[in-house]
Amino acid sequence: MIKNLLLIASMLFFVLSSFAQDIHFVQFQNTPLNLNPALTGMFGGDIRASVVGRNQWNSVPVGYKTITASVESKFFNDRVDNAFFSGGVILFHDWSGDSGLGRTNIGLSGSYTQKLNENNLLTAGVKFSMQQLRYNSTNLTFGDQYDGDQFNSSTQTTDPLGRLNSSKMYPDIGGGINWHHQVPAKRTRFDVGAALFHINKPEQLLSNGQSQDLFMRVSAYALANIKIAEKWDAVGFLSNQIQGPHEERLAGVGAKYIIRNDSPGTQLAIQLAGFFRFNDESEAWIPALQVEYGYWTLGATYDLNVSDFQVATDRRGGPELSATYRLTKVRSNAEKICPVY
């Protein structure tokens, strides 16, 4: 009985709180435009395309499915060798439960990167997007639709969840800064930055006659790749996301083994890491595997839920898969660029 009550309460909490929280991923380093628009263009190469998909808590009725995809490109001026612009397009879509509660967001991000010296770059970025929040109550049933003997679908419910508007669309604005340090000869690099999303605090509640501004989200992070031996690198990841009363902290450490790195496009490496999510309702241990092959990076993680919600999930959180492709244009020796490794 206690388990059933806890399950029902947890399900209700996650359905209601999803109105006020952004999407989130374990592999936040592989979805950089969701982390900070100032990470637009912060990669080795000229064009980067990535996609990340997540299926969270599929073992309970309110499981969340989320997918995001982005494409970025750098724009160089041949007469300027110490700065460049970058631009990107990003899409995310998520949905959950019988109501299909979810959001679709299409945005444009842009950044300006200034080379401070041979090893340091400073970037400022902005993001403009349109977001749609949607909800469909036709597949839901409510207590006041029962006449005492049976369910009557023609009865108009007075439950607030059954009287929400089907969708709402609103603009969204974000911005941030990023410091990038690199030592290419040693495969060592760091990224440290912060961003602020929903600066315009858009109204996003579906209920008529009421308003609720979307909480601003503060994103802070640190990413590191450090060469420790000829064939070995150490990697580290930190992320802290704060949005209104909600906070999520993720920390991860791991090691990368370089199998082959003869020339650009031929790299083969395997990375193993472990993450831990510090969050009351979704605390989890998360093993992570990543393979770098040529211009491709493929990643996989799986949440092992250790929060109170494990009563419903049986410690099963959710799988998350990512794929990233980087393309480098062929240039003449006369052209100068600011590399980012």
C-alpha atoms as a PDB file:
ATOM      1  CA  MET A   1       0.000   0.000   0.000  1.00  0.00           C
ATOM      2  CA  ILE A   2       2.799   2.425   0.931  1.00  0.00           C
ATOM      3  CA  LYS A   3       4.638   1.608  -2.294  1.00  0.00           C
ATOM      4  CA  ASN A   4       1.499   2.271  -4.343  1.00  0.00           C
ATOM      5  CA  LEU A   5       0.908   5.619  -2.631  1.00  0.00           C
ATOM      6  CA  LEU A   6       4.536   6.618  -3.181  1.00  0.00           C
ATOM      7  CA  LEU A   7       4.304   5.633  -6.843  1.00  0.00           C
ATOM      8  CA  ILE A   8       1.131   7.687  -7.393  1.00  0.00           C
ATOM      9  CA  ALA A   9       2.568  10.706  -5.586  1.00  0.00           C
ATOM     10  CA  SER A  10       5.815  10.497  -7.552  1.00  0.00           C
ATOM     11  CA  MET A  11       3.985  10.242 -10.878  1.00  0.00           C
ATOM     12  CA  LEU A  12       1.826  13.266 -10.066  1.00  0.00           C
ATOM     13  CA  PHE A  13       4.861  15.270  -8.984  1.00  0.00           C
ATOM     14  CA  PHE A  14       6.768  14.594 -12.197  1.00  0.00           C
ATOM     15  CA  VAL A  15       3.795  15.391 -14.447  1.00  0.00           C
ATOM     16  CA  LEU A  16       3.205  18.760 -12.754  1.00  0.00           C
ATOM     17  CA  SER A  17       6.853  19.734 -12.329  1.00  0.00           C
ATOM     18  CA  SER A  18       7.623  19.038 -15.998  1.00  0.00           C
ATOM     19  CA  PHE A  19       5.839  22.299 -16.839  1.00  0.00           C
ATOM     20  CA  ALA A  20       8.593  24.250 -15.066  1.00  0.00           C
ATOM     21  CA  GLN A  21      11.793  22.349 -15.942  1.00  0.00           C
ATOM     22  CA  ASP A  22      13.948  22.223 -19.047  1.00  0.00           C
ATOM     23  CA  ILE A  23      15.079  19.050 -20.747  1.00  0.00           C
ATOM     24  CA  HIS A  24      18.282  17.517 -19.411  1.00  0.00           C
ATOM     25  CA  PHE A  25      20.857  14.997 -20.590  1.00  0.00           C
ATOM     26  CA  VAL A  26      23.627  13.025 -18.923  1.00  0.00           C
ATOM     27  CA  GLN A  27      25.885  13.526 -21.945  1.00  0.00           C
ATOM     28  CA  PHE A  28      25.659  17.297 -21.638  1.00  0.00           C
ATOM     29  CA  GLN A  29      29.087  17.623 -23.273  1.00  0.00           C
ATOM     30  CA  ASN A  30      27.585  16.069 -26.426  1.00  0.00           C
ATOM     31  CA  THR A  31      24.684  18.531 -26.612  1.00  0.00           C
ATOM     32  CA  PRO A  32      26.659  21.767 -26.157  1.00  0.00           C
ATOM     33  CA  LEU A  33      24.058  24.231 -27.497  1.00  0.00           C
ATOM     34  CA  ASN A  34      21.661  23.130 -24.736  1.00  0.00           C
ATOM     35  CA  LEU A  35      24.454  23.788 -22.234  1.00  0.00           C
ATOM     36  CA  ASN A  36      25.594  27.205 -23.474  1.00  0.00           C
ATOM     37  CA  PRO A  37      25.179  29.059 -26.798  1.00  0.00           C
ATOM     38  CA  ALA A  38      28.785  30.221 -26.309  1.00  0.00           C
ATOM     39  CA  LEU A  39      29.842  26.640 -27.076  1.00  0.00           C
ATOM     40  CA  THR A  40      28.679  27.163 -30.659  1.00  0.00           C
ATOM     41  CA  GLY A  41      31.768  26.536 -32.799  1.00  0.00           C
ATOM     42  CA  MET A  42      33.901  25.190 -29.929  1.00  0.00           C
ATOM     43  CA  PHE A  43      35.178  22.064 -31.659  1.00  0.00           C
ATOM     44  CA  GLY A  44      37.943  20.900 -33.971  1.00  0.00           C
ATOM     45  CA  GLY A  45      36.797  21.285 -37.569  1.00  0.00           C
ATOM     46  CA  ASP A  46      34.368  23.487 -39.481  1.00  0.00           C
ATOM     47  CA  ILE A  47      30.951  21.805 -39.230  1.00  0.00           C
ATOM     48  CA  ARG A  48      29.519  19.724 -36.392  1.00  0.00           C
ATOM     49  CA  ALA A  49      26.229  17.819 -36.416  1.00  0.00           C
ATOM     50  CA  SER A  50      24.955  15.996 -33.347  1.00  0.00           C
ATOM     51  CA  VAL A  51      21.901  14.132 -32.132  1.00  0.00           C
ATOM     52  CA  VAL A  52      21.106  12.858 -28.624  1.00  0.00           C
ATOM     53  CA  GLY A  53      18.112  10.748 -27.574  1.00  0.00           C
ATOM     54  CA  ARG A  54      16.957   9.810 -24.089  1.00  0.00           C
ATOM     55  CA  ASN A  55      14.249   7.480 -22.785  1.00  0.00           C
ATOM     56  CA  GLN A  56      13.847   8.106 -19.049  1.00  0.00           C
ATOM     57  CA  TRP A  57      11.775   6.039 -16.568  1.00  0.00           C
ATOM     58  CA  ASN A  58      10.217   3.911 -19.292  1.00  0.00           C
ATOM     59  CA  SER A  59       9.249   1.380 -16.607  1.00  0.00           C
ATOM     60  CA  VAL A  60       6.611   3.765 -15.181  1.00  0.00           C
ATOM     61  CA  PRO A  61       3.547   5.249 -16.929  1.00  0.00           C
ATOM     62  CA  VAL A  62       4.967   8.795 -17.064  1.00  0.00           C
ATOM     63  CA  GLY A  63       8.244   7.983 -18.773  1.00  0.00           C
ATOM     64  CA  TYR A  64       9.945  10.851 -20.621  1.00  0.00           C
ATOM     65  CA  LYS A  65      11.270  10.650 -24.186  1.00  0.00           C
ATOM     66  CA  THR A  66      13.568  13.431 -25.378  1.00  0.00           C
ATOM     67  CA  ILE A  67      15.516  14.021 -28.572  1.00  0.00           C
ATOM     68  CA  THR A  68      17.698  16.945 -29.623  1.00  0.00           C
ATOM     69  CA  ALA A  69      19.655  17.642 -32.799  1.00  0.00           C
ATOM     70  CA  SER A  70      21.902  20.493 -33.869  1.00  0.00           C
ATOM     71  CA  VAL A  71      24.159  21.635 -36.705  1.00  0.00           C
ATOM     72  CA  GLU A  72      26.924  24.246 -36.304  1.00  0.00           C
ATOM     73  CA  SER A  73      29.406  25.936 -38.587  1.00  0.00           C
ATOM     74  CA  LYS A  74      32.316  28.339 -38.197  1.00  0.00           C
ATOM     75  CA  PHE A  75      32.640  31.438 -40.372  1.00  0.00           C
ATOM     76  CA  PHE A  76      36.170  32.711 -40.973  1.00  0.00           C
ATOM     77  CA  ASN A  77      37.466  35.947 -42.455  1.00  0.00           C
ATOM     78  CA  ASP A  78      40.729  35.358 -44.345  1.00  0.00           C
ATOM     79  CA  ARG A  79      41.976  38.788 -43.258  1.00  0.00           C
ATOM     80  CA  VAL A  80      41.449  38.021 -39.545  1.00  0.00           C
ATOM     81  CA  ASP A  81      43.438  35.213 -37.949  1.00  0.00           C
ATOM     82  CA  ASN A  82      42.614  35.805 -34.283  1.00  0.00           C
ATOM     83  CA  ALA A  83      38.786  35.692 -34.235  1.00  0.00           C
ATOM     84  CA  PHE A  84      35.813  34.012 -35.888  1.00  0.00           C
ATOM     85  CA  PHE A  85      32.037  33.816 -35.796  1.00  0.00           C
ATOM     86  CA  SER A  86      29.973  30.629 -35.504  1.00  0.00           C
ATOM     87  CA  GLY A  87      26.297  29.867 -36.030  1.00  0.00           C
ATOM     88  CA  GLY A  88      24.028  26.943 -35.372  1.00  0.00           C
ATOM     89  CA  VAL A  89      20.515  25.560 -35.534  1.00  0.00           C
ATOM     90  CA  ILE A  90      19.123  23.458 -32.695  1.00  0.00           C
ATOM     91  CA  LEU A  91      15.919  21.460 -32.275  1.00  0.00           C
ATOM     92  CA  PHE A  92      14.582  19.538 -29.308  1.00  0.00           C
ATOM     93  CA  HIS A  93      11.357  17.635 -28.791  1.00  0.00           C
ATOM     94  CA  ASP A  94      10.124  15.817 -25.693  1.00  0.00           C
ATOM     95  CA  TRP A  95       6.891  14.128 -24.656  1.00  0.00           C
ATOM     96  CA  SER A  96       5.561  12.004 -21.807  1.00  0.00           C
ATOM     97  CA  GLY A  97       2.501  10.142 -20.552  1.00  0.00           C
ATOM     98  CA  ASP A  98      -0.903   9.505 -22.123  1.00  0.00           C
ATOM     99  CA  SER A  99      -1.479  13.254 -22.512  1.00  0.00           C
ATOM    100  CA  GLY A 100       1.585  13.650 -24.714  1.00  0.00           C
ATOM    101  CA  LEU A 101       2.682  16.517 -22.481  1.00  0.00           C
ATOM    102  CA  GLY A 102       5.776  17.991 -24.056  1.00  0.00           C
ATOM    103  CA  ARG A 103       7.633  20.730 -25.829  1.00  0.00           C
ATOM    104  CA  THR A 104       9.126  21.457 -29.222  1.00  0.00           C
ATOM    105  CA  ASN A 105      11.844  24.083 -29.540  1.00  0.00           C
ATOM    106  CA  ILE A 106      13.557  25.395 -32.671  1.00  0.00           C
ATOM    107  CA  GLY A 107      16.355  27.879 -32.147  1.00  0.00           C
ATOM    108  CA  LEU A 108      19.254  29.749 -33.703  1.00  0.00           C
ATOM    109  CA  SER A 109      22.514  30.266 -31.833  1.00  0.00           C
ATOM    110  CA  GLY A 110      25.435  32.501 -32.682  1.00  0.00           C
ATOM    111  CA  SER A 111      28.822  33.166 -31.104  1.00  0.00           C
ATOM    112  CA  TYR A 112      31.912  35.329 -31.442  1.00  0.00           C
ATOM    113  CA  THR A 113      35.287  33.839 -30.469  1.00  0.00           C
ATOM    114  CA  GLN A 114      38.351  35.960 -29.714  1.00  0.00           C
ATOM    115  CA  LYS A 115      41.789  34.385 -29.587  1.00  0.00           C
ATOM    116  CA  LEU A 116      43.551  35.735 -26.486  1.00  0.00           C
ATOM    117  CA  ASN A 117      46.849  33.938 -27.140  1.00  0.00           C
ATOM    118  CA  GLU A 118      48.091  30.638 -28.541  1.00  0.00           C
ATOM    119  CA  ASN A 119      46.346  28.606 -25.857  1.00  0.00           C
ATOM    120  CA  ASN A 120      43.268  30.585 -24.809  1.00  0.00           C
ATOM    121  CA  LEU A 121      40.006  31.538 -26.505  1.00  0.00           C
ATOM    122  CA  LEU A 122      37.089  33.552 -25.119  1.00  0.00           C
ATOM    123  CA  THR A 123      33.598  33.194 -26.616  1.00  0.00           C
ATOM    124  CA  ALA A 124      30.293  35.005 -26.129  1.00  0.00           C
ATOM    125  CA  GLY A 125      27.093  33.493 -27.518  1.00  0.00           C
ATOM    126  CA  VAL A 126      23.353  34.130 -27.801  1.00  0.00           C
ATOM    127  CA  LYS A 127      20.348  31.962 -28.638  1.00  0.00           C
ATOM    128  CA  PHE A 128      16.922  32.920 -29.991  1.00  0.00           C
ATOM    129  CA  SER A 129      14.201  30.303 -30.301  1.00  0.00           C
ATOM    130  CA  MET A 130      10.484  29.600 -30.486  1.00  0.00           C
ATOM    131  CA  GLN A 131       9.019  26.994 -28.155  1.00  0.00           C
ATOM    132  CA  GLN A 132       5.654  25.251 -28.165  1.00  0.00           C
ATOM    133  CA  LEU A 133       4.190  23.623 -25.069  1.00  0.00           C
ATOM    134  CA  ARG A 134       1.415  21.123 -25.823  1.00  0.00           C
ATOM    135  CA  TYR A 135      -1.009  18.927 -23.942  1.00  0.00           C
ATOM    136  CA  ASN A 136      -3.832  16.565 -25.015  1.00  0.00           C
ATOM    137  CA  SER A 137      -6.416  15.558 -22.397  1.00  0.00           C
ATOM    138  CA  THR A 138      -8.564  13.417 -24.718  1.00  0.00           C
ATOM    139  CA  ASN A 139      -6.729  10.245 -23.648  1.00  0.00           C
ATOM    140  CA  LEU A 140      -7.118  11.015 -19.927  1.00  0.00           C
ATOM    141  CA  THR A 141      -9.978  10.088 -17.593  1.00  0.00           C
ATOM    142  CA  PHE A 142     -11.047  11.900 -14.424  1.00  0.00           C
ATOM    143  CA  GLY A 143     -12.977  10.916 -11.309  1.00  0.00           C
ATOM    144  CA  ASP A 144     -15.971  13.166 -12.021  1.00  0.00           C
ATOM    145  CA  GLN A 145     -16.555  11.348 -15.346  1.00  0.00           C
ATOM    146  CA  TYR A 146     -17.831   8.300 -13.442  1.00  0.00           C
ATOM    147  CA  ASP A 147     -21.573   8.382 -12.724  1.00  0.00           C
ATOM    148  CA  GLY A 148     -21.347   5.926  -9.836  1.00  0.00           C
ATOM    149  CA  ASP A 149     -21.682   2.787 -11.938  1.00  0.00           C
ATOM    150  CA  GLN A 150     -19.564   3.307 -15.007  1.00  0.00           C
ATOM    151  CA  PHE A 151     -17.340   5.713 -16.903  1.00  0.00           C
ATOM    152  CA  ASN A 152     -19.098   8.216 -19.166  1.00  0.00           C
ATOM    153  CA  SER A 153     -16.749   9.837 -21.691  1.00  0.00           C
ATOM    154  CA  SER A 154     -19.374  12.434 -22.673  1.00  0.00           C
ATOM    155  CA  THR A 155     -19.375  13.947 -19.160  1.00  0.00           C
ATOM    156  CA  GLN A 156     -17.513  17.266 -19.095  1.00  0.00           C
ATOM    157  CA  THR A 157     -14.838  17.181 -16.415  1.00  0.00           C
ATOM    158  CA  THR A 158     -14.240  20.058 -14.013  1.00  0.00           C
ATOM    159  CA  ASP A 159     -10.745  18.831 -13.153  1.00  0.00           C
ATOM    160  CA  PRO A 160      -8.182  21.603 -13.886  1.00  0.00           C
ATOM    161  CA  LEU A 161      -5.953  19.174 -15.787  1.00  0.00           C
ATOM    162  CA  GLY A 162      -8.838  18.355 -18.101  1.00  0.00           C
ATOM    163  CA  ARG A 163      -9.508  21.990 -18.983  1.00  0.00           C
ATOM    164  CA  LEU A 164      -6.064  23.099 -20.093  1.00  0.00           C
ATOM    165  CA  ASN A 165      -5.465  24.618 -23.508  1.00  0.00           C
ATOM    166  CA  SER A 166      -4.035  22.224 -26.068  1.00  0.00           C
ATOM    167  CA  SER A 167      -0.906  24.291 -26.818  1.00  0.00           C
ATOM    168  CA  LYS A 168       0.964  27.542 -26.261  1.00  0.00           C
ATOM    169  CA  MET A 169       3.829  29.076 -28.242  1.00  0.00           C
ATOM    170  CA  TYR A 170       6.307  31.662 -27.004  1.00  0.00           C
ATOM    171  CA  PRO A 171       9.731  33.180 -27.861  1.00  0.00           C
ATOM    172  CA  ASP A 172      12.800  32.392 -25.789  1.00  0.00           C
ATOM    173  CA  ILE A 173      16.172  34.133 -25.336  1.00  0.00           C
ATOM    174  CA  GLY A 174      19.444  32.940 -23.796  1.00  0.00           C
ATOM    175  CA  GLY A 175      23.118  33.906 -23.687  1.00  0.00           C
ATOM    176  CA  GLY A 176      26.436  32.916 -22.157  1.00  0.00           C
ATOM    177  CA  ILE A 177      30.255  33.042 -22.148  1.00  0.00           C
ATOM    178  CA  ASN A 178      32.906  30.312 -22.413  1.00  0.00           C
ATOM    179  CA  TRP A 179      36.665  30.180 -21.775  1.00  0.00           C
ATOM    180  CA  HIS A 180      38.567  27.566 -23.774  1.00  0.00           C
ATOM    181  CA  HIS A 181      42.152  26.556 -22.961  1.00  0.00           C
ATOM    182  CA  GLN A 182      44.043  24.187 -25.227  1.00  0.00           C
ATOM    183  CA  VAL A 183      47.489  22.655 -25.559  1.00  0.00           C
ATOM    184  CA  PRO A 184      47.131  20.791 -28.888  1.00  0.00           C
ATOM    185  CA  ALA A 185      50.500  19.009 -28.734  1.00  0.00           C
ATOM    186  CA  LYS A 186      49.485  17.458 -25.421  1.00  0.00           C
ATOM    187  CA  ARG A 187      45.798  16.783 -26.272  1.00  0.00           C
ATOM    188  CA  THR A 188      44.916  18.857 -23.205  1.00  0.00           C
ATOM    189  CA  ARG A 189      41.923  21.200 -23.221  1.00  0.00           C
ATOM    190  CA  PHE A 190      39.504  22.814 -20.791  1.00  0.00           C
ATOM    191  CA  ASP A 191      36.157  24.558 -21.192  1.00  0.00           C
ATOM    192  CA  VAL A 192      34.631  26.568 -18.357  1.00  0.00           C
ATOM    193  CA  GLY A 193      31.525  28.672 -18.823  1.00  0.00           C
ATOM    194  CA  ALA A 194      28.135  29.869 -17.700  1.00  0.00           C
ATOM    195  CA  ALA A 195      24.868  30.680 -19.442  1.00  0.00           C
ATOM    196  CA  LEU A 196      21.453  32.109 -18.635  1.00  0.00           C
ATOM    197  CA  PHE A 197      18.383  30.767 -20.431  1.00  0.00           C
ATOM    198  CA  HIS A 198      14.802  32.141 -20.576  1.00  0.00           C
ATOM    199  CA  ILE A 199      16.073  35.669 -19.972  1.00  0.00           C
ATOM    200  CA  ASN A 200      12.719  37.038 -21.151  1.00  0.00           C
ATOM    201  CA  LYS A 201      10.893  34.745 -18.662  1.00  0.00           C
ATOM    202  CA  PRO A 202       8.145  33.724 -21.132  1.00  0.00           C
ATOM    203  CA  GLU A 203       4.656  32.947 -19.878  1.00  0.00           C
ATOM    204  CA  GLN A 204       4.066  29.250 -20.481  1.00  0.00           C
ATOM    205  CA  LEU A 205       1.120  27.998 -18.417  1.00  0.00           C
ATOM    206  CA  LEU A 206      -1.661  26.346 -20.415  1.00  0.00           C
ATOM    207  CA  SER A 207      -4.486  27.321 -18.060  1.00  0.00           C
ATOM    208  CA  ASN A 208      -6.896  30.118 -19.035  1.00  0.00           C
ATOM    209  CA  GLY A 209      -7.007  33.160 -16.770  1.00  0.00           C
ATOM    210  CA  GLN A 210      -3.721  32.276 -15.065  1.00  0.00           C
ATOM    211  CA  SER A 211      -0.105  33.054 -15.783  1.00  0.00           C
ATOM    212  CA  GLN A 212       3.184  31.462 -14.835  1.00  0.00           C
ATOM    213  CA  ASP A 213       6.504  32.689 -16.162  1.00  0.00           C
ATOM    214  CA  LEU A 214       9.059  30.080 -17.083  1.00  0.00           C
ATOM    215  CA  PHE A 215      11.866  30.177 -14.545  1.00  0.00           C
ATOM    216  CA  MET A 216      15.233  31.372 -15.826  1.00  0.00           C
ATOM    217  CA  ARG A 217      17.828  28.585 -15.944  1.00  0.00           C
ATOM    218  CA  VAL A 218      21.405  29.151 -14.825  1.00  0.00           C
ATOM    219  CA  SER A 219      23.885  26.759 -16.424  1.00  0.00           C
ATOM    220  CA  ALA A 220      27.472  26.425 -15.143  1.00  0.00           C
ATOM    221  CA  TYR A 221      29.942  23.743 -16.196  1.00  0.00           C
ATOM    222  CA  ALA A 222      33.549  22.623 -16.599  1.00  0.00           C
ATOM    223  CA  LEU A 223      34.873  20.114 -19.166  1.00  0.00           C
ATOM    224  CA  ALA A 224      38.403  18.708 -19.195  1.00  0.00           C
ATOM    225  CA  ASN A 225      40.545  16.391 -21.315  1.00  0.00           C
ATOM    226  CA  ILE A 226      44.107  15.916 -19.996  1.00  0.00           C
ATOM    227  CA  LYS A 227      46.859  13.839 -21.608  1.00  0.00           C
ATOM    228  CA  ILE A 228      48.469  11.662 -18.945  1.00  0.00           C
ATOM    229  CA  ALA A 229      50.435   9.210 -21.126  1.00  0.00           C
ATOM    230  CA  GLU A 230      51.185   8.561 -24.790  1.00  0.00           C
ATOM    231  CA  LYS A 231      48.008   6.493 -25.185  1.00  0.00           C
ATOM    232  CA  TRP A 232      45.920   7.684 -22.226  1.00  0.00           C
ATOM    233  CA  ASP A 233      43.853  10.773 -21.435  1.00  0.00           C
ATOM    234  CA  ALA A 234      41.897  11.606 -18.287  1.00  0.00           C
ATOM    235  CA  VAL A 235      38.476  13.245 -18.730  1.00  0.00           C
ATOM    236  CA  GLY A 236      36.266  15.139 -16.297  1.00  0.00           C
ATOM    237  CA  PHE A 237      32.799  16.714 -16.444  1.00  0.00           C
ATOM    238  CA  LEU A 238      30.910  19.020 -14.074  1.00  0.00           C
ATOM    239  CA  SER A 239      27.496  20.602 -14.604  1.00  0.00           C
ATOM    240  CA  ASN A 240      25.187  22.552 -12.301  1.00  0.00           C
ATOM    241  CA  GLN A 241      21.750  23.564 -13.599  1.00  0.00           C
ATOM    242  CA  ILE A 242      19.475  25.761 -11.469  1.00  0.00           C
ATOM    243  CA  GLN A 243      15.931  26.605 -12.548  1.00  0.00           C
ATOM    244  CA  GLY A 244      13.623  28.128  -9.942  1.00  0.00           C
ATOM    245  CA  PRO A 245      13.242  25.608  -7.105  1.00  0.00           C
ATOM    246  CA  HIS A 246      14.874  22.849  -9.161  1.00  0.00           C
ATOM    247  CA  GLU A 247      18.574  22.036  -9.226  1.00  0.00           C
ATOM    248  CA  GLU A 248      20.549  19.297 -10.938  1.00  0.00           C
ATOM    249  CA  ARG A 249      24.236  18.612 -10.390  1.00  0.00           C
ATOM    250  CA  LEU A 250      26.180  16.111 -12.473  1.00  0.00           C
ATOM    251  CA  ALA A 251      29.791  15.034 -12.028  1.00  0.00           C
ATOM    252  CA  GLY A 252      31.743  12.544 -14.085  1.00  0.00           C
ATOM    253  CA  VAL A 253      35.310  11.220 -14.393  1.00  0.00           C
ATOM    254  CA  GLY A 254      36.842   8.710 -16.749  1.00  0.00           C
ATOM    255  CA  ALA A 255      39.722   7.629 -18.960  1.00  0.00           C
ATOM    256  CA  LYS A 256      40.242   7.551 -22.711  1.00  0.00           C
ATOM    257  CA  TYR A 257      42.519   5.062 -24.478  1.00  0.00           C
ATOM    258  CA  ILE A 258      43.908   6.188 -27.851  1.00  0.00           C
ATOM    259  CA  ILE A 259      44.102   3.101 -30.063  1.00  0.00           C
ATOM    260  CA  ARG A 260      45.105   4.958 -33.217  1.00  0.00           C
ATOM    261  CA  ASN A 261      45.786   8.624 -33.989  1.00  0.00           C
ATOM    262  CA  ASP A 262      48.018   8.632 -37.058  1.00  0.00           C
ATOM    263  CA  SER A 263      46.406  11.508 -38.983  1.00  0.00           C
ATOM    264  CA  PRO A 264      43.189  13.574 -39.018  1.00  0.00           C
ATOM    265  CA  GLY A 265      40.169  11.400 -39.710  1.00  0.00           C
ATOM    266  CA  THR A 266      41.821   8.147 -38.624  1.00  0.00           C
ATOM    267  CA  GLN A 267      41.544   8.445 -34.844  1.00  0.00           C
ATOM    268  CA  LEU A 268      40.183   5.499 -32.914  1.00  0.00           C
ATOM    269  CA  ALA A 269      39.674   5.835 -29.167  1.00  0.00           C
ATOM    270  CA  ILE A 270      37.523   4.323 -26.419  1.00  0.00           C
ATOM    271  CA  GLN A 271      36.413   6.266 -23.361  1.00  0.00           C
ATOM    272  CA  LEU A 272      34.927   4.838 -20.164  1.00  0.00           C
ATOM    273  CA  ALA A 273      33.487   7.122 -17.501  1.00  0.00           C
ATOM    274  CA  GLY A 274      31.155   7.194 -14.534  1.00  0.00           C
ATOM    275  CA  PHE A 275      28.683   9.965 -13.656  1.00  0.00           C
ATOM    276  CA  PHE A 276      26.670  10.690 -10.551  1.00  0.00           C
ATOM    277  CA  ARG A 277      23.565  12.867 -10.528  1.00  0.00           C
ATOM    278  CA  PHE A 278      22.984  14.798  -7.291  1.00  0.00           C
ATOM    279  CA  ASN A 279      19.233  15.338  -7.311  1.00  0.00           C
ATOM    280  CA  ASP A 280      16.627  14.289  -4.744  1.00  0.00           C
ATOM    281  CA  GLU A 281      14.048  12.952  -7.211  1.00  0.00           C
ATOM    282  CA  SER A 282      16.429  11.495  -9.848  1.00  0.00           C
ATOM    283  CA  GLU A 283      19.679  10.685  -8.013  1.00  0.00           C
ATOM    284  CA  ALA A 284      21.570   8.102 -10.040  1.00  0.00           C
ATOM    285  CA  TRP A 285      24.844   6.335 -10.810  1.00  0.00           C
ATOM    286  CA  ILE A 286      25.508   6.433 -14.553  1.00  0.00           C
ATOM    287  CA  PRO A 287      28.092   4.345 -16.453  1.00  0.00           C
ATOM    288  CA  ALA A 288      29.161   5.866 -19.779  1.00  0.00           C
ATOM    289  CA  LEU A 289      30.844   4.500 -22.911  1.00  0.00           C
ATOM    290  CA  GLN A 290      32.099   6.633 -25.801  1.00  0.00           C
ATOM    291  CA  VAL A 291      33.846   5.630 -29.028  1.00  0.00           C
ATOM    292  CA  GLU A 292      35.681   8.064 -31.305  1.00  0.00           C
ATOM    293  CA  TYR A 293      36.188   6.757 -34.829  1.00  0.00           C
ATOM    294  CA  GLY A 294      37.432   9.108 -37.527  1.00  0.00           C
ATOM    295  CA  TYR A 295      35.105  12.086 -37.606  1.00  0.00           C
ATOM    296  CA  TRP A 296      32.426  10.270 -35.579  1.00  0.00           C
ATOM    297  CA  THR A 297      31.846  10.244 -31.818  1.00  0.00           C
ATOM    298  CA  LEU A 298      29.281   7.755 -30.474  1.00  0.00           C
ATOM    299  CA  GLY A 299      28.178   7.722 -26.832  1.00  0.00           C
ATOM    300  CA  ALA A 300      25.922   5.663 -24.585  1.00  0.00           C
ATOM    301  CA  THR A 301      24.882   6.007 -20.918  1.00  0.00           C
ATOM    302  CA  TYR A 302      22.374   4.311 -18.632  1.00  0.00           C
ATOM    303  CA  ASP A 303      20.903   5.684 -15.393  1.00  0.00           C
ATOM    304  CA  LEU A 304      20.842   3.448 -12.323  1.00  0.00           C
ATOM    305  CA  ASN A 305      18.330   5.282 -10.144  1.00  0.00           C
ATOM    306  CA  VAL A 306      19.150   5.328  -6.405  1.00  0.00           C
ATOM    307  CA  SER A 307      16.644   7.985  -5.277  1.00  0.00           C
ATOM    308  CA  ASP A 308      13.341   7.358  -3.465  1.00  0.00           C
ATOM    309  CA  PHE A 309      11.775   7.052  -6.923  1.00  0.00           C
ATOM    310  CA  GLN A 310      13.490   3.648  -7.296  1.00  0.00           C
ATOM    311  CA  VAL A 311      10.317   2.234  -5.697  1.00  0.00           C
ATOM    312  CA  ALA A 312       8.674   2.844  -9.064  1.00  0.00           C
ATOM    313  CA  THR A 313      11.674   2.371 -11.357  1.00  0.00           C
ATOM    314  CA  ASP A 314      13.315  -0.667  -9.706  1.00  0.00           C
ATOM    315  CA  ARG A 315      16.579   1.322 -10.041  1.00  0.00           C
ATOM    316  CA  ARG A 316      16.080   1.604 -13.809  1.00  0.00           C
ATOM    317  CA  GLY A 317      16.511   5.157 -15.023  1.00  0.00           C
ATOM    318  CA  GLY A 318      16.938   5.407 -18.746  1.00  0.00           C
ATOM    319  CA  PRO A 319      19.234   4.820 -21.707  1.00  0.00           C
ATOM    320  CA  GLU A 320      20.739   7.766 -23.587  1.00  0.00           C
ATOM    321  CA  LEU A 321      22.477   7.564 -26.972  1.00  0.00           C
ATOM    322  CA  SER A 322      24.429  10.228 -28.862  1.00  0.00           C
ATOM    323  CA  ALA A 323      26.118  10.617 -32.240  1.00  0.00           C
ATOM    324  CA  THR A 324      28.330  13.509 -33.370  1.00  0.00           C
ATOM    325  CA  TYR A 325      29.953  14.090 -36.751  1.00  0.00           C
ATOM    326  CA  ARG A 326      32.647  16.697 -37.417  1.00  0.00           C
ATOM    327  CA  LEU A 327      33.664  17.842 -40.884  1.00  0.00           C
ATOM    328  CA  THR A 328      36.867  19.734 -41.705  1.00  0.00           C
ATOM    329  CA  LYS A 329      37.175  21.599 -45.009  1.00  0.00           C
ATOM    330  CA  VAL A 330      40.323  21.292 -47.095  1.00  0.00           C
ATOM    331  CA  ARG A 331      42.264  24.574 -47.079  1.00  0.00           C
ATOM    332  CA  SER A 332      45.304  25.951 -48.853  1.00  0.00           C
ATOM    333  CA  ASN A 333      48.398  26.599 -46.756  1.00  0.00           C
ATOM    334  CA  ALA A 334      47.827  30.344 -47.138  1.00  0.00           C
ATOM    335  CA  GLU A 335      44.613  30.271 -45.151  1.00  0.00           C
ATOM    336  CA  LYS A 336      44.839  30.857 -41.422  1.00  0.00           C
ATOM    337  CA  ILE A 337      42.344  29.627 -38.856  1.00  0.00           C
ATOM    338  CA  CYS A 338      41.902  29.482 -35.110  1.00  0.00           C
ATOM    339  CA  PRO A 339      41.869  25.747 -34.335  1.00  0.00           C
ATOM    340  CA  VAL A 340      39.861  24.379 -31.416  1.00  0.00           C
ATOM    341  CA  TYR A 341      40.871  20.868 -30.362  1.00  0.00           C
END
